[in-house]
């Protein structure tokens, strides 16, 4: 994880977490091009990421073809969570 947040949004620090996605496959199947999946860690601004000040949300979407695209998608999702646009996901309790 990066030492500094990627951005700050409405009193929260946003840390995109990007993972190399390697789907399970049979030995005879072609290896797909490299793709990435993502999660986002959101914590209260200025606080270190810890259990009482932050939450991690997984992005439930397709996989992305580059780290940059995955990072932008994670940041956009964090903004939507903070704004309350995604049902069932909230930073109110953090």
PDB file of N, CA and C in Angstrom:
ATOM      1  N   UNK A   1       0.851  -1.178   0.000  1.00  0.00           N
ATOM      2  CA  UNK A   1       0.000   0.000   0.000  1.00  0.00           C
ATOM      3  C   UNK A   1       0.890   1.232   0.000  1.00  0.00           C
ATOM      4  N   UNK A   2       0.436   2.260  -0.692  1.00  0.00           N
ATOM      5  CA  UNK A   2       1.176   3.520  -0.728  1.00  0.00           C
ATOM      6  C   UNK A   2       1.210   4.148   0.659  1.00  0.00           C
ATOM      7  N   UNK A   3       2.288   4.867   0.943  1.00  0.00           N
ATOM      8  CA  UNK A   3       2.431   5.531   2.239  1.00  0.00           C
ATOM      9  C   UNK A   3       1.520   6.750   2.346  1.00  0.00           C
ATOM     10  N   UNK A   4       1.177   7.346   1.220  1.00  0.00           N
ATOM     11  CA  UNK A   4       0.332   8.535   1.211  1.00  0.00           C
ATOM     12  C   UNK A   4      -0.935   8.252   0.403  1.00  0.00           C
ATOM     13  N   UNK A   5      -2.044   8.858   0.791  1.00  0.00           N
ATOM     14  CA  UNK A   5      -3.287   8.619   0.038  1.00  0.00           C
ATOM     15  C   UNK A   5      -3.181   9.162  -1.380  1.00  0.00           C
ATOM     16  N   UNK A   6      -3.914   8.537  -2.292  1.00  0.00           N
ATOM     17  CA  UNK A   6      -3.952   9.004  -3.675  1.00  0.00           C
ATOM     18  C   UNK A   6      -4.677  10.334  -3.765  1.00  0.00           C
ATOM     19  N   UNK A   7      -5.738  10.474  -2.964  1.00  0.00           N
ATOM     20  CA  UNK A   7      -6.472  11.738  -2.949  1.00  0.00           C
ATOM     21  C   UNK A   7      -7.187  11.895  -1.613  1.00  0.00           C
ATOM     22  N   UNK A   8      -7.683  13.083  -1.400  1.00  0.00           N
ATOM     23  CA  UNK A   8      -8.540  13.372  -0.244  1.00  0.00           C
ATOM     24  C   UNK A   8      -9.877  13.836  -0.805  1.00  0.00           C
ATOM     25  N   UNK A   9     -10.954  13.367  -0.155  1.00  0.00           N
ATOM     26  CA  UNK A   9     -12.286  13.700  -0.656  1.00  0.00           C
ATOM     27  C   UNK A   9     -13.228  13.857   0.526  1.00  0.00           C
ATOM     28  N   UNK A  10     -13.746  15.064   0.721  1.00  0.00           N
ATOM     29  CA  UNK A  10     -14.756  15.363   1.740  1.00  0.00           C
ATOM     30  C   UNK A  10     -14.378  14.831   3.131  1.00  0.00           C
ATOM     31  N   UNK A  11     -13.141  15.030   3.545  1.00  0.00           N
ATOM     32  CA  UNK A  11     -12.723  14.634   4.881  1.00  0.00           C
ATOM     33  C   UNK A  11     -12.230  13.204   5.003  1.00  0.00           C
ATOM     34  N   UNK A  12     -11.992  12.536   3.889  1.00  0.00           N
ATOM     35  CA  UNK A  12     -11.499  11.158   3.898  1.00  0.00           C
ATOM     36  C   UNK A  12     -10.260  11.035   3.007  1.00  0.00           C
ATOM     37  N   UNK A  13      -9.342  10.162   3.399  1.00  0.00           N
ATOM     38  CA  UNK A  13      -8.187   9.801   2.582  1.00  0.00           C
ATOM     39  C   UNK A  13      -8.544   8.536   1.800  1.00  0.00           C
ATOM     40  N   UNK A  14      -8.129   8.478   0.535  1.00  0.00           N
ATOM     41  CA  UNK A  14      -8.461   7.359  -0.341  1.00  0.00           C
ATOM     42  C   UNK A  14      -7.171   6.659  -0.790  1.00  0.00           C
ATOM     43  N   UNK A  15      -7.109   5.355  -0.540  1.00  0.00           N
ATOM     44  CA  UNK A  15      -5.977   4.524  -0.935  1.00  0.00           C
ATOM     45  C   UNK A  15      -6.468   3.411  -1.864  1.00  0.00           C
ATOM     46  N   UNK A  16      -6.266   3.516  -3.183  1.00  0.00           N
ATOM     47  CA  UNK A  16      -6.623   2.410  -4.062  1.00  0.00           C
ATOM     48  C   UNK A  16      -5.678   1.224  -3.835  1.00  0.00           C
ATOM     49  N   UNK A  17      -6.218   0.016  -3.801  1.00  0.00           N
ATOM     50  CA  UNK A  17      -5.433  -1.202  -3.641  1.00  0.00           C
ATOM     51  C   UNK A  17      -5.609  -2.024  -4.916  1.00  0.00           C
ATOM     52  N   UNK A  18      -4.538  -2.218  -5.669  1.00  0.00           N
ATOM     53  CA  UNK A  18      -4.608  -2.877  -6.967  1.00  0.00           C
ATOM     54  C   UNK A  18      -3.896  -4.228  -6.884  1.00  0.00           C
ATOM     55  N   UNK A  19      -4.554  -5.261  -7.436  1.00  0.00           N
ATOM     56  CA  UNK A  19      -4.039  -6.628  -7.388  1.00  0.00           C
ATOM     57  C   UNK A  19      -3.944  -7.197  -8.797  1.00  0.00           C
ATOM     58  N   UNK A  20      -2.904  -7.976  -9.035  1.00  0.00           N
ATOM     59  CA  UNK A  20      -2.805  -8.707 -10.292  1.00  0.00           C
ATOM     60  C   UNK A  20      -3.843  -9.815 -10.271  1.00  0.00           C
ATOM     61  N   UNK A  21      -4.671  -9.877 -11.296  1.00  0.00           N
ATOM     62  CA  UNK A  21      -5.725 -10.888 -11.372  1.00  0.00           C
ATOM     63  C   UNK A  21      -5.219 -12.047 -12.227  1.00  0.00           C
ATOM     64  N   UNK A  22      -5.173 -13.218 -11.645  1.00  0.00           N
ATOM     65  CA  UNK A  22      -4.731 -14.412 -12.353  1.00  0.00           C
ATOM     66  C   UNK A  22      -5.818 -15.465 -12.203  1.00  0.00           C
ATOM     67  N   UNK A  23      -6.753 -15.528 -13.169  1.00  0.00           N
ATOM     68  CA  UNK A  23      -7.883 -16.445 -13.030  1.00  0.00           C
ATOM     69  C   UNK A  23      -7.431 -17.906 -13.071  1.00  0.00           C
ATOM     70  N   UNK A  24      -8.132 -18.768 -12.373  1.00  0.00           N
ATOM     71  CA  UNK A  24      -7.803 -20.190 -12.459  1.00  0.00           C
ATOM     72  C   UNK A  24      -8.085 -20.689 -13.873  1.00  0.00           C
ATOM     73  N   UNK A  25      -7.249 -21.578 -14.354  1.00  0.00           N
ATOM     74  CA  UNK A  25      -7.425 -22.093 -15.704  1.00  0.00           C
ATOM     75  C   UNK A  25      -6.801 -23.474 -15.816  1.00  0.00           C
ATOM     76  N   UNK A  26      -7.191 -24.189 -16.833  1.00  0.00           N
ATOM     77  CA  UNK A  26      -6.623 -25.505 -17.125  1.00  0.00           C
ATOM     78  C   UNK A  26      -5.270 -25.315 -17.806  1.00  0.00           C
ATOM     79  N   UNK A  27      -4.429 -26.321 -17.747  1.00  0.00           N
ATOM     80  CA  UNK A  27      -3.085 -26.205 -18.310  1.00  0.00           C
ATOM     81  C   UNK A  27      -3.092 -25.958 -19.816  1.00  0.00           C
ATOM     82  N   UNK A  28      -4.114 -26.393 -20.512  1.00  0.00           N
ATOM     83  CA  UNK A  28      -4.141 -26.254 -21.966  1.00  0.00           C
ATOM     84  C   UNK A  28      -4.746 -24.937 -22.440  1.00  0.00           C
ATOM     85  N   UNK A  29      -5.333 -24.169 -21.539  1.00  0.00           N
ATOM     86  CA  UNK A  29      -5.954 -22.903 -21.933  1.00  0.00           C
ATOM     87  C   UNK A  29      -4.890 -21.833 -22.143  1.00  0.00           C
ATOM     88  N   UNK A  30      -5.198 -20.942 -23.054  1.00  0.00           N
ATOM     89  CA  UNK A  30      -4.293 -19.803 -23.277  1.00  0.00           C
ATOM     90  C   UNK A  30      -4.256 -18.920 -22.054  1.00  0.00           C
ATOM     91  N   UNK A  31      -3.135 -18.355 -21.805  1.00  0.00           N
ATOM     92  CA  UNK A  31      -2.994 -17.406 -20.701  1.00  0.00           C
ATOM     93  C   UNK A  31      -3.501 -16.047 -21.182  1.00  0.00           C
ATOM     94  N   UNK A  32      -4.499 -15.488 -20.494  1.00  0.00           N
ATOM     95  CA  UNK A  32      -5.022 -14.183 -20.919  1.00  0.00           C
ATOM     96  C   UNK A  32      -3.993 -13.075 -20.654  1.00  0.00           C
ATOM     97  N   UNK A  33      -4.181 -11.955 -21.320  1.00  0.00           N
ATOM     98  CA  UNK A  33      -3.322 -10.809 -21.044  1.00  0.00           C
ATOM     99  C   UNK A  33      -3.447 -10.433 -19.583  1.00  0.00           C
ATOM    100  N   UNK A  34      -2.459  -9.760 -19.094  1.00  0.00           N
ATOM    101  CA  UNK A  34      -2.455  -9.351 -17.690  1.00  0.00           C
ATOM    102  C   UNK A  34      -3.638  -8.428 -17.412  1.00  0.00           C
ATOM    103  N   UNK A  35      -4.310  -8.677 -16.298  1.00  0.00           N
ATOM    104  CA  UNK A  35      -5.412  -7.811 -15.885  1.00  0.00           C
ATOM    105  C   UNK A  35      -5.344  -7.614 -14.372  1.00  0.00           C
ATOM    106  N   UNK A  36      -6.086  -6.635 -13.900  1.00  0.00           N
ATOM    107  CA  UNK A  36      -6.000  -6.242 -12.501  1.00  0.00           C
ATOM    108  C   UNK A  36      -7.388  -6.151 -11.883  1.00  0.00           C
ATOM    109  N   UNK A  37      -7.462  -6.447 -10.596  1.00  0.00           N
ATOM    110  CA  UNK A  37      -8.674  -6.218  -9.823  1.00  0.00           C
ATOM    111  C   UNK A  37      -8.321  -5.167  -8.765  1.00  0.00           C
ATOM    112  N   UNK A  38      -9.338  -4.648  -8.093  1.00  0.00           N
ATOM    113  CA  UNK A  38      -9.071  -3.537  -7.190  1.00  0.00           C
ATOM    114  C   UNK A  38      -9.989  -3.536  -5.983  1.00  0.00           C
ATOM    115  N   UNK A  39      -9.493  -2.913  -4.935  1.00  0.00           N
ATOM    116  CA  UNK A  39     -10.245  -2.579  -3.735  1.00  0.00           C
ATOM    117  C   UNK A  39      -9.863  -1.149  -3.392  1.00  0.00           C
ATOM    118  N   UNK A  40     -10.573  -0.575  -2.451  1.00  0.00           N
ATOM    119  CA  UNK A  40     -10.215   0.771  -2.023  1.00  0.00           C
ATOM    120  C   UNK A  40     -10.304   0.846  -0.503  1.00  0.00           C
ATOM    121  N   UNK A  41      -9.302   1.451   0.104  1.00  0.00           N
ATOM    122  CA  UNK A  41      -9.295   1.691   1.542  1.00  0.00           C
ATOM    123  C   UNK A  41      -9.629   3.160   1.748  1.00  0.00           C
ATOM    124  N   UNK A  42     -10.632   3.414   2.567  1.00  0.00           N
ATOM    125  CA  UNK A  42     -11.048   4.787   2.869  1.00  0.00           C
ATOM    126  C   UNK A  42     -10.878   4.994   4.362  1.00  0.00           C
ATOM    127  N   UNK A  43     -10.199   6.063   4.745  1.00  0.00           N
ATOM    128  CA  UNK A  43     -10.047   6.353   6.174  1.00  0.00           C
ATOM    129  C   UNK A  43     -10.260   7.845   6.421  1.00  0.00           C
ATOM    130  N   UNK A  44     -10.462   8.178   7.676  1.00  0.00           N
ATOM    131  CA  UNK A  44     -10.671   9.569   8.039  1.00  0.00           C
ATOM    132  C   UNK A  44      -9.403  10.362   7.719  1.00  0.00           C
ATOM    133  N   UNK A  45      -9.577  11.550   7.197  1.00  0.00           N
ATOM    134  CA  UNK A  45      -8.459  12.370   6.763  1.00  0.00           C
ATOM    135  C   UNK A  45      -7.477  12.626   7.902  1.00  0.00           C
ATOM    136  N   UNK A  46      -6.205  12.414   7.606  1.00  0.00           N
ATOM    137  CA  UNK A  46      -5.147  12.673   8.572  1.00  0.00           C
ATOM    138  C   UNK A  46      -4.892  11.551   9.555  1.00  0.00           C
ATOM    139  N   UNK A  47      -5.735  10.536   9.565  1.00  0.00           N
ATOM    140  CA  UNK A  47      -5.562   9.407  10.488  1.00  0.00           C
ATOM    141  C   UNK A  47      -4.827   8.281   9.765  1.00  0.00           C
ATOM    142  N   UNK A  48      -3.991   7.536  10.484  1.00  0.00           N
ATOM    143  CA  UNK A  48      -3.357   6.389   9.836  1.00  0.00           C
ATOM    144  C   UNK A  48      -4.395   5.293   9.583  1.00  0.00           C
ATOM    145  N   UNK A  49      -4.259   4.564   8.489  1.00  0.00           N
ATOM    146  CA  UNK A  49      -5.209   3.471   8.227  1.00  0.00           C
ATOM    147  C   UNK A  49      -5.152   2.431   9.346  1.00  0.00           C
ATOM    148  N   UNK A  50      -6.251   2.255  10.037  1.00  0.00           N
ATOM    149  CA  UNK A  50      -6.345   1.273  11.121  1.00  0.00           C
ATOM    150  C   UNK A  50      -7.790   0.799  11.210  1.00  0.00           C
ATOM    151  N   UNK A  51      -8.034  -0.200  12.009  1.00  0.00           N
ATOM    152  CA  UNK A  51      -9.376  -0.784  12.107  1.00  0.00           C
ATOM    153  C   UNK A  51     -10.433   0.210  12.545  1.00  0.00           C
ATOM    154  N   UNK A  52     -10.109   1.086  13.475  1.00  0.00           N
ATOM    155  CA  UNK A  52     -11.148   1.984  13.982  1.00  0.00           C
ATOM    156  C   UNK A  52     -11.373   3.229  13.122  1.00  0.00           C
ATOM    157  N   UNK A  53     -10.471   3.530  12.187  1.00  0.00           N
ATOM    158  CA  UNK A  53     -10.606   4.742  11.383  1.00  0.00           C
ATOM    159  C   UNK A  53     -10.785   4.488   9.892  1.00  0.00           C
ATOM    160  N   UNK A  54     -10.824   3.229   9.465  1.00  0.00           N
ATOM    161  CA  UNK A  54     -10.879   2.977   8.026  1.00  0.00           C
ATOM    162  C   UNK A  54     -11.715   1.744   7.696  1.00  0.00           C
ATOM    163  N   UNK A  55     -12.058   1.636   6.403  1.00  0.00           N
ATOM    164  CA  UNK A  55     -12.781   0.466   5.889  1.00  0.00           C
ATOM    165  C   UNK A  55     -12.251   0.153   4.494  1.00  0.00           C
ATOM    166  N   UNK A  56     -12.303  -1.123   4.132  1.00  0.00           N
ATOM    167  CA  UNK A  56     -11.884  -1.558   2.805  1.00  0.00           C
ATOM    168  C   UNK A  56     -13.111  -2.064   2.054  1.00  0.00           C
ATOM    169  N   UNK A  57     -13.230  -1.636   0.801  1.00  0.00           N
ATOM    170  CA  UNK A  57     -14.331  -2.041  -0.061  1.00  0.00           C
ATOM    171  C   UNK A  57     -13.753  -2.657  -1.329  1.00  0.00           C
ATOM    172  N   UNK A  58     -14.241  -3.836  -1.697  1.00  0.00           N
ATOM    173  CA  UNK A  58     -13.822  -4.476  -2.948  1.00  0.00           C
ATOM    174  C   UNK A  58     -14.680  -3.956  -4.087  1.00  0.00           C
ATOM    175  N   UNK A  59     -14.078  -3.728  -5.230  1.00  0.00           N
ATOM    176  CA  UNK A  59     -14.824  -3.326  -6.412  1.00  0.00           C
ATOM    177  C   UNK A  59     -15.401  -4.571  -7.051  1.00  0.00           C
ATOM    178  N   UNK A  60     -16.700  -4.609  -7.205  1.00  0.00           N
ATOM    179  CA  UNK A  60     -17.398  -5.750  -7.789  1.00  0.00           C
ATOM    180  C   UNK A  60     -17.645  -5.468  -9.266  1.00  0.00           C
ATOM    181  N   UNK A  61     -16.592  -5.420 -10.022  1.00  0.00           N
ATOM    182  CA  UNK A  61     -16.720  -5.100 -11.445  1.00  0.00           C
ATOM    183  C   UNK A  61     -15.763  -5.975 -12.239  1.00  0.00           C
ATOM    184  N   UNK A  62     -15.773  -5.769 -13.541  1.00  0.00           N
ATOM    185  CA  UNK A  62     -14.840  -6.493 -14.391  1.00  0.00           C
ATOM    186  C   UNK A  62     -13.412  -6.150 -13.992  1.00  0.00           C
ATOM    187  N   UNK A  63     -12.487  -6.874 -14.554  1.00  0.00           N
ATOM    188  CA  UNK A  63     -11.081  -6.606 -14.283  1.00  0.00           C
ATOM    189  C   UNK A  63     -10.583  -5.596 -15.298  1.00  0.00           C
ATOM    190  N   UNK A  64      -9.553  -4.870 -14.927  1.00  0.00           N
ATOM    191  CA  UNK A  64      -9.059  -3.789 -15.765  1.00  0.00           C
ATOM    192  C   UNK A  64      -7.761  -4.179 -16.438  1.00  0.00           C
ATOM    193  N   UNK A  65      -7.498  -3.569 -17.581  1.00  0.00           N
ATOM    194  CA  UNK A  65      -6.331  -3.925 -18.382  1.00  0.00           C
ATOM    195  C   UNK A  65      -5.053  -3.215 -17.959  1.00  0.00           C
ATOM    196  N   UNK A  66      -5.146  -2.193 -17.129  1.00  0.00           N
ATOM    197  CA  UNK A  66      -3.934  -1.510 -16.667  1.00  0.00           C
ATOM    198  C   UNK A  66      -4.112  -1.055 -15.225  1.00  0.00           C
ATOM    199  N   UNK A  67      -2.990  -0.822 -14.586  1.00  0.00           N
ATOM    200  CA  UNK A  67      -3.012  -0.368 -13.197  1.00  0.00           C
ATOM    201  C   UNK A  67      -3.673   1.004 -13.098  1.00  0.00           C
ATOM    202  N   UNK A  68      -3.394   1.870 -14.053  1.00  0.00           N
ATOM    203  CA  UNK A  68      -3.957   3.215 -14.025  1.00  0.00           C
ATOM    204  C   UNK A  68      -5.477   3.223 -14.106  1.00  0.00           C
ATOM    205  N   UNK A  69      -6.028   2.406 -14.981  1.00  0.00           N
ATOM    206  CA  UNK A  69      -7.487   2.332 -15.118  1.00  0.00           C
ATOM    207  C   UNK A  69      -8.103   1.768 -13.843  1.00  0.00           C
ATOM    208  N   UNK A  70      -7.492   0.740 -13.263  1.00  0.00           N
ATOM    209  CA  UNK A  70      -7.990   0.155 -12.021  1.00  0.00           C
ATOM    210  C   UNK A  70      -7.923   1.164 -10.882  1.00  0.00           C
ATOM    211  N   UNK A  71      -6.855   1.933 -10.840  1.00  0.00           N
ATOM    212  CA  UNK A  71      -6.682   2.949  -9.796  1.00  0.00           C
ATOM    213  C   UNK A  71      -7.745   4.045  -9.908  1.00  0.00           C
ATOM    214  N   UNK A  72      -8.015   4.493 -11.119  1.00  0.00           N
ATOM    215  CA  UNK A  72      -9.050   5.517 -11.325  1.00  0.00           C
ATOM    216  C   UNK A  72     -10.433   4.988 -10.966  1.00  0.00           C
ATOM    217  N   UNK A  73     -10.706   3.727 -11.294  1.00  0.00           N
ATOM    218  CA  UNK A  73     -12.002   3.123 -10.951  1.00  0.00           C
ATOM    219  C   UNK A  73     -12.163   3.030  -9.433  1.00  0.00           C
ATOM    220  N   UNK A  74     -11.099   2.672  -8.726  1.00  0.00           N
ATOM    221  CA  UNK A  74     -11.157   2.577  -7.264  1.00  0.00           C
ATOM    222  C   UNK A  74     -11.390   3.949  -6.636  1.00  0.00           C
ATOM    223  N   UNK A  75     -10.723   4.964  -7.161  1.00  0.00           N
ATOM    224  CA  UNK A  75     -10.903   6.328  -6.638  1.00  0.00           C
ATOM    225  C   UNK A  75     -12.329   6.815  -6.889  1.00  0.00           C
ATOM    226  N   UNK A  76     -12.862   6.532  -8.076  1.00  0.00           N
ATOM    227  CA  UNK A  76     -14.234   6.933  -8.405  1.00  0.00           C
ATOM    228  C   UNK A  76     -15.244   6.227  -7.496  1.00  0.00           C
ATOM    229  N   UNK A  77     -15.008   4.931  -7.212  1.00  0.00           N
ATOM    230  CA  UNK A  77     -15.902   4.203  -6.321  1.00  0.00           C
ATOM    231  C   UNK A  77     -15.841   4.782  -4.909  1.00  0.00           C
ATOM    232  N   UNK A  78     -14.654   5.146  -4.451  1.00  0.00           N
ATOM    233  CA  UNK A  78     -14.516   5.743  -3.119  1.00  0.00           C
ATOM    234  C   UNK A  78     -15.343   7.019  -3.021  1.00  0.00           C
ATOM    235  N   UNK A  79     -15.291   7.842  -4.049  1.00  0.00           N
ATOM    236  CA  UNK A  79     -16.083   9.074  -4.049  1.00  0.00           C
ATOM    237  C   UNK A  79     -17.577   8.754  -3.990  1.00  0.00           C
ATOM    238  N   UNK A  80     -18.015   7.738  -4.723  1.00  0.00           N
ATOM    239  CA  UNK A  80     -19.423   7.343  -4.716  1.00  0.00           C
ATOM    240  C   UNK A  80     -19.847   6.807  -3.355  1.00  0.00           C
ATOM    241  N   UNK A  81     -18.975   6.046  -2.689  1.00  0.00           N
ATOM    242  CA  UNK A  81     -19.280   5.530  -1.351  1.00  0.00           C
ATOM    243  C   UNK A  81     -19.399   6.684  -0.358  1.00  0.00           C
ATOM    244  N   UNK A  82     -18.454   7.605  -0.404  1.00  0.00           N
ATOM    245  CA  UNK A  82     -18.465   8.747   0.515  1.00  0.00           C
ATOM    246  C   UNK A  82     -19.710   9.603   0.288  1.00  0.00           C
ATOM    247  N   UNK A  83     -20.122   9.765  -0.972  1.00  0.00           N
ATOM    248  CA  UNK A  83     -21.317  10.550  -1.292  1.00  0.00           C
ATOM    249  C   UNK A  83     -22.611   9.805  -0.983  1.00  0.00           C
ATOM    250  N   UNK A  84     -22.534   8.503  -0.679  1.00  0.00           N
ATOM    251  CA  UNK A  84     -23.713   7.727  -0.326  1.00  0.00           C
ATOM    252  C   UNK A  84     -24.493   7.199  -1.511  1.00  0.00           C
ATOM    253  N   UNK A  85     -23.856   7.105  -2.681  1.00  0.00           N
ATOM    254  CA  UNK A  85     -24.543   6.651  -3.886  1.00  0.00           C
ATOM    255  C   UNK A  85     -24.593   5.141  -4.036  1.00  0.00           C
ATOM    256  N   UNK A  86     -23.850   4.382  -3.228  1.00  0.00           N
ATOM    257  CA  UNK A  86     -23.819   2.924  -3.359  1.00  0.00           C
ATOM    258  C   UNK A  86     -24.543   2.311  -2.169  1.00  0.00           C
ATOM    259  N   UNK A  87     -25.695   1.699  -2.395  1.00  0.00           N
ATOM    260  CA  UNK A  87     -26.485   1.122  -1.299  1.00  0.00           C
ATOM    261  C   UNK A  87     -25.702   0.055  -0.533  1.00  0.00           C
ATOM    262  N   UNK A  88     -25.794   0.101   0.773  1.00  0.00           N
ATOM    263  CA  UNK A  88     -25.162  -0.906   1.625  1.00  0.00           C
ATOM    264  C   UNK A  88     -23.704  -0.644   1.931  1.00  0.00           C
ATOM    265  N   UNK A  89     -23.125   0.403   1.358  1.00  0.00           N
ATOM    266  CA  UNK A  89     -21.721   0.731   1.639  1.00  0.00           C
ATOM    267  C   UNK A  89     -21.667   2.163   2.132  1.00  0.00           C
ATOM    268  N   UNK A  90     -21.039   2.338   3.290  1.00  0.00           N
ATOM    269  CA  UNK A  90     -21.050   3.643   3.907  1.00  0.00           C
ATOM    270  C   UNK A  90     -19.815   3.853   4.764  1.00  0.00           C
ATOM    271  N   UNK A  91     -19.420   5.095   4.907  1.00  0.00           N
ATOM    272  CA  UNK A  91     -18.328   5.449   5.822  1.00  0.00           C
ATOM    273  C   UNK A  91     -18.868   6.097   7.094  1.00  0.00           C
ATOM    274  N   UNK A  92     -20.163   6.121   7.278  1.00  0.00           N
ATOM    275  CA  UNK A  92     -20.760   6.767   8.439  1.00  0.00           C
ATOM    276  C   UNK A  92     -20.279   6.132   9.734  1.00  0.00           C
ATOM    277  N   UNK A  93     -20.161   4.817   9.783  1.00  0.00           N
ATOM    278  CA  UNK A  93     -19.770   4.136  11.013  1.00  0.00           C
ATOM    279  C   UNK A  93     -18.284   4.168  11.262  1.00  0.00           C
ATOM    280  N   UNK A  94     -17.480   4.615  10.275  1.00  0.00           N
ATOM    281  CA  UNK A  94     -16.027   4.641  10.450  1.00  0.00           C
ATOM    282  C   UNK A  94     -15.592   5.862  11.200  1.00  0.00           C
TER     283      UNK A  94
END
